[in-house]
Amino acid sequence: MAGSEPQEPQESAGDLPAPAAEEHPQQARAARPTNAGRVWVAMFFAIAFLALLVVFVAENSGSVEVSFFGAHTRISLALALLIAALVGAAVTLLVGSARILQLRAEVRRRGR
């Protein structure tokens, strides 16, 4: 039969093979992060943190009595909590820095 010959399948536009990575080397590499991108992300988190801080201050604006080593004063609750958090962070930073210096000295001693 004349019509029974096997026919080759025709390729449509969707069936074309994808170009190899060697043909387009710029597309094969991922985009490297830039300083501008890092600043953009840092600014997003800074603005989000500031928004949360504003909400915190607005919700804790009541005045409280604070006594410390015989000194008495009235300040807003938000300010008292923020001062306590900053003092706690400073103490943590000092203790952590002392430990890092101690470990560096140990590494230098063992390295000799």
C-alpha atoms as a PDB file:
ATOM      1  CA  MET A   1       0.000   0.000   0.000  1.00  0.00           C
ATOM      2  CA  ALA A   2       1.246   3.369  -0.949  1.00  0.00           C
ATOM      3  CA  GLY A   3      -0.156   5.222   2.077  1.00  0.00           C
ATOM      4  CA  SER A   4       1.250   2.826   4.677  1.00  0.00           C
ATOM      5  CA  GLU A   5       4.819   4.129   4.635  1.00  0.00           C
ATOM      6  CA  PRO A   6       6.021   5.308   8.056  1.00  0.00           C
ATOM      7  CA  GLN A   7       6.032   9.060   8.242  1.00  0.00           C
ATOM      8  CA  GLU A   8       8.465  11.091  10.289  1.00  0.00           C
ATOM      9  CA  PRO A   9       6.788  13.091  13.042  1.00  0.00           C
ATOM     10  CA  GLN A  10       6.762  16.793  12.385  1.00  0.00           C
ATOM     11  CA  GLU A  11       8.175  19.007  15.114  1.00  0.00           C
ATOM     12  CA  SER A  12       6.042  21.891  16.265  1.00  0.00           C
ATOM     13  CA  ALA A  13       7.445  25.046  17.845  1.00  0.00           C
ATOM     14  CA  GLY A  14       6.790  23.627  21.339  1.00  0.00           C
ATOM     15  CA  ASP A  15       8.757  20.442  20.587  1.00  0.00           C
ATOM     16  CA  LEU A  16      12.035  22.166  19.672  1.00  0.00           C
ATOM     17  CA  PRO A  17      14.950  21.303  21.917  1.00  0.00           C
ATOM     18  CA  ALA A  18      16.075  23.966  24.363  1.00  0.00           C
ATOM     19  CA  PRO A  19      19.341  25.725  23.461  1.00  0.00           C
ATOM     20  CA  ALA A  20      22.369  24.273  25.175  1.00  0.00           C
ATOM     21  CA  ALA A  21      24.022  26.166  28.036  1.00  0.00           C
ATOM     22  CA  GLU A  22      27.167  26.513  25.906  1.00  0.00           C
ATOM     23  CA  GLU A  23      25.271  28.664  23.403  1.00  0.00           C
ATOM     24  CA  HIS A  24      24.333  31.293  26.031  1.00  0.00           C
ATOM     25  CA  PRO A  25      26.943  31.361  28.820  1.00  0.00           C
ATOM     26  CA  GLN A  26      25.460  34.491  30.461  1.00  0.00           C
ATOM     27  CA  GLN A  27      22.108  32.757  30.962  1.00  0.00           C
ATOM     28  CA  ALA A  28      23.695  29.670  32.540  1.00  0.00           C
ATOM     29  CA  ARG A  29      25.186  31.662  35.443  1.00  0.00           C
ATOM     30  CA  ALA A  30      23.028  32.837  38.299  1.00  0.00           C
ATOM     31  CA  ALA A  31      22.923  36.546  39.017  1.00  0.00           C
ATOM     32  CA  ARG A  32      25.437  37.464  41.692  1.00  0.00           C
ATOM     33  CA  PRO A  33      24.233  39.533  44.648  1.00  0.00           C
ATOM     34  CA  THR A  34      25.333  43.159  44.605  1.00  0.00           C
ATOM     35  CA  ASN A  35      25.926  45.681  47.359  1.00  0.00           C
ATOM     36  CA  ALA A  36      22.866  47.610  46.208  1.00  0.00           C
ATOM     37  CA  GLY A  37      20.760  44.465  46.607  1.00  0.00           C
ATOM     38  CA  ARG A  38      22.126  43.835  50.083  1.00  0.00           C
ATOM     39  CA  VAL A  39      21.401  47.437  51.097  1.00  0.00           C
ATOM     40  CA  TRP A  40      17.864  47.081  49.720  1.00  0.00           C
ATOM     41  CA  VAL A  41      17.219  43.975  51.841  1.00  0.00           C
ATOM     42  CA  ALA A  42      18.814  45.595  54.917  1.00  0.00           C
ATOM     43  CA  MET A  43      16.618  48.683  54.475  1.00  0.00           C
ATOM     44  CA  PHE A  44      13.511  46.495  54.275  1.00  0.00           C
ATOM     45  CA  PHE A  45      14.344  44.818  57.586  1.00  0.00           C
ATOM     46  CA  ALA A  46      15.291  48.153  59.201  1.00  0.00           C
ATOM     47  CA  ILE A  47      11.976  49.722  58.195  1.00  0.00           C
ATOM     48  CA  ALA A  48      10.057  46.672  59.416  1.00  0.00           C
ATOM     49  CA  PHE A  49      11.923  46.831  62.739  1.00  0.00           C
ATOM     50  CA  LEU A  50      11.192  50.557  63.096  1.00  0.00           C
ATOM     51  CA  ALA A  51       7.497  49.960  62.391  1.00  0.00           C
ATOM     52  CA  LEU A  52       7.399  47.319  65.136  1.00  0.00           C
ATOM     53  CA  LEU A  53       9.252  49.680  67.478  1.00  0.00           C
ATOM     54  CA  VAL A  54       6.720  52.460  66.847  1.00  0.00           C
ATOM     55  CA  VAL A  55       3.858  50.066  67.614  1.00  0.00           C
ATOM     56  CA  PHE A  56       5.660  48.944  70.786  1.00  0.00           C
ATOM     57  CA  VAL A  57       6.156  52.529  71.994  1.00  0.00           C
ATOM     58  CA  ALA A  58       2.562  53.475  71.156  1.00  0.00           C
ATOM     59  CA  GLU A  59       1.133  50.505  73.070  1.00  0.00           C
ATOM     60  CA  ASN A  60       3.403  51.014  76.120  1.00  0.00           C
ATOM     61  CA  SER A  61       3.225  54.761  76.586  1.00  0.00           C
ATOM     62  CA  GLY A  62       2.015  54.634  80.193  1.00  0.00           C
ATOM     63  CA  SER A  63       4.213  56.122  82.901  1.00  0.00           C
ATOM     64  CA  VAL A  64       5.903  53.916  85.529  1.00  0.00           C
ATOM     65  CA  GLU A  65       7.914  54.565  88.697  1.00  0.00           C
ATOM     66  CA  VAL A  66      11.534  53.396  88.375  1.00  0.00           C
ATOM     67  CA  SER A  67      13.855  53.078  91.383  1.00  0.00           C
ATOM     68  CA  PHE A  68      17.565  52.312  90.971  1.00  0.00           C
ATOM     69  CA  PHE A  69      20.133  52.606  93.783  1.00  0.00           C
ATOM     70  CA  GLY A  70      18.024  55.100  95.688  1.00  0.00           C
ATOM     71  CA  ALA A  71      17.156  57.223  92.657  1.00  0.00           C
ATOM     72  CA  HIS A  72      13.448  57.470  91.881  1.00  0.00           C
ATOM     73  CA  THR A  73      11.924  58.734  88.670  1.00  0.00           C
ATOM     74  CA  ARG A  74       8.879  58.332  86.419  1.00  0.00           C
ATOM     75  CA  ILE A  75       9.409  57.438  82.769  1.00  0.00           C
ATOM     76  CA  SER A  76       7.330  55.769  80.080  1.00  0.00           C
ATOM     77  CA  LEU A  77       7.124  52.003  80.218  1.00  0.00           C
ATOM     78  CA  ALA A  78       8.410  51.730  76.624  1.00  0.00           C
ATOM     79  CA  LEU A  79      11.507  53.782  77.458  1.00  0.00           C
ATOM     80  CA  ALA A  80      12.213  51.719  80.570  1.00  0.00           C
ATOM     81  CA  LEU A  81      11.923  48.477  78.608  1.00  0.00           C
ATOM     82  CA  LEU A  82      14.098  49.766  75.753  1.00  0.00           C
ATOM     83  CA  ILE A  83      16.799  50.895  78.209  1.00  0.00           C
ATOM     84  CA  ALA A  84      16.716  47.486  79.890  1.00  0.00           C
ATOM     85  CA  ALA A  85      17.022  45.752  76.501  1.00  0.00           C
ATOM     86  CA  LEU A  86      19.958  47.961  75.464  1.00  0.00           C
ATOM     87  CA  VAL A  87      21.782  47.369  78.754  1.00  0.00           C
ATOM     88  CA  GLY A  88      21.210  43.620  78.380  1.00  0.00           C
ATOM     89  CA  ALA A  89      22.548  43.686  74.816  1.00  0.00           C
ATOM     90  CA  ALA A  90      25.627  45.669  75.930  1.00  0.00           C
ATOM     91  CA  VAL A  91      26.383  43.173  78.729  1.00  0.00           C
ATOM     92  CA  THR A  92      26.000  40.280  76.278  1.00  0.00           C
ATOM     93  CA  LEU A  93      28.316  42.028  73.803  1.00  0.00           C
ATOM     94  CA  LEU A  94      30.978  42.595  76.464  1.00  0.00           C
ATOM     95  CA  VAL A  95      30.871  39.001  77.750  1.00  0.00           C
ATOM     96  CA  GLY A  96      30.916  37.606  74.202  1.00  0.00           C
ATOM     97  CA  SER A  97      33.822  39.851  73.203  1.00  0.00           C
ATOM     98  CA  ALA A  98      35.817  38.764  76.251  1.00  0.00           C
ATOM     99  CA  ARG A  99      35.255  35.109  75.343  1.00  0.00           C
ATOM    100  CA  ILE A 100      36.278  35.685  71.715  1.00  0.00           C
ATOM    101  CA  LEU A 101      39.489  37.389  72.837  1.00  0.00           C
ATOM    102  CA  GLN A 102      40.168  34.522  75.237  1.00  0.00           C
ATOM    103  CA  LEU A 103      39.742  31.955  72.444  1.00  0.00           C
ATOM    104  CA  ARG A 104      41.970  33.911  70.046  1.00  0.00           C
ATOM    105  CA  ALA A 105      44.715  34.040  72.668  1.00  0.00           C
ATOM    106  CA  GLU A 106      44.395  30.260  73.142  1.00  0.00           C
ATOM    107  CA  VAL A 107      44.693  29.673  69.389  1.00  0.00           C
ATOM    108  CA  ARG A 108      47.840  31.849  69.247  1.00  0.00           C
ATOM    109  CA  ARG A 109      49.367  29.963  72.184  1.00  0.00           C
ATOM    110  CA  ARG A 110      48.709  26.575  70.604  1.00  0.00           C
ATOM    111  CA  GLY A 111      49.882  27.749  67.202  1.00  0.00           C
ATOM    112  CA  ARG A 112      53.436  28.452  68.435  1.00  0.00           C
END
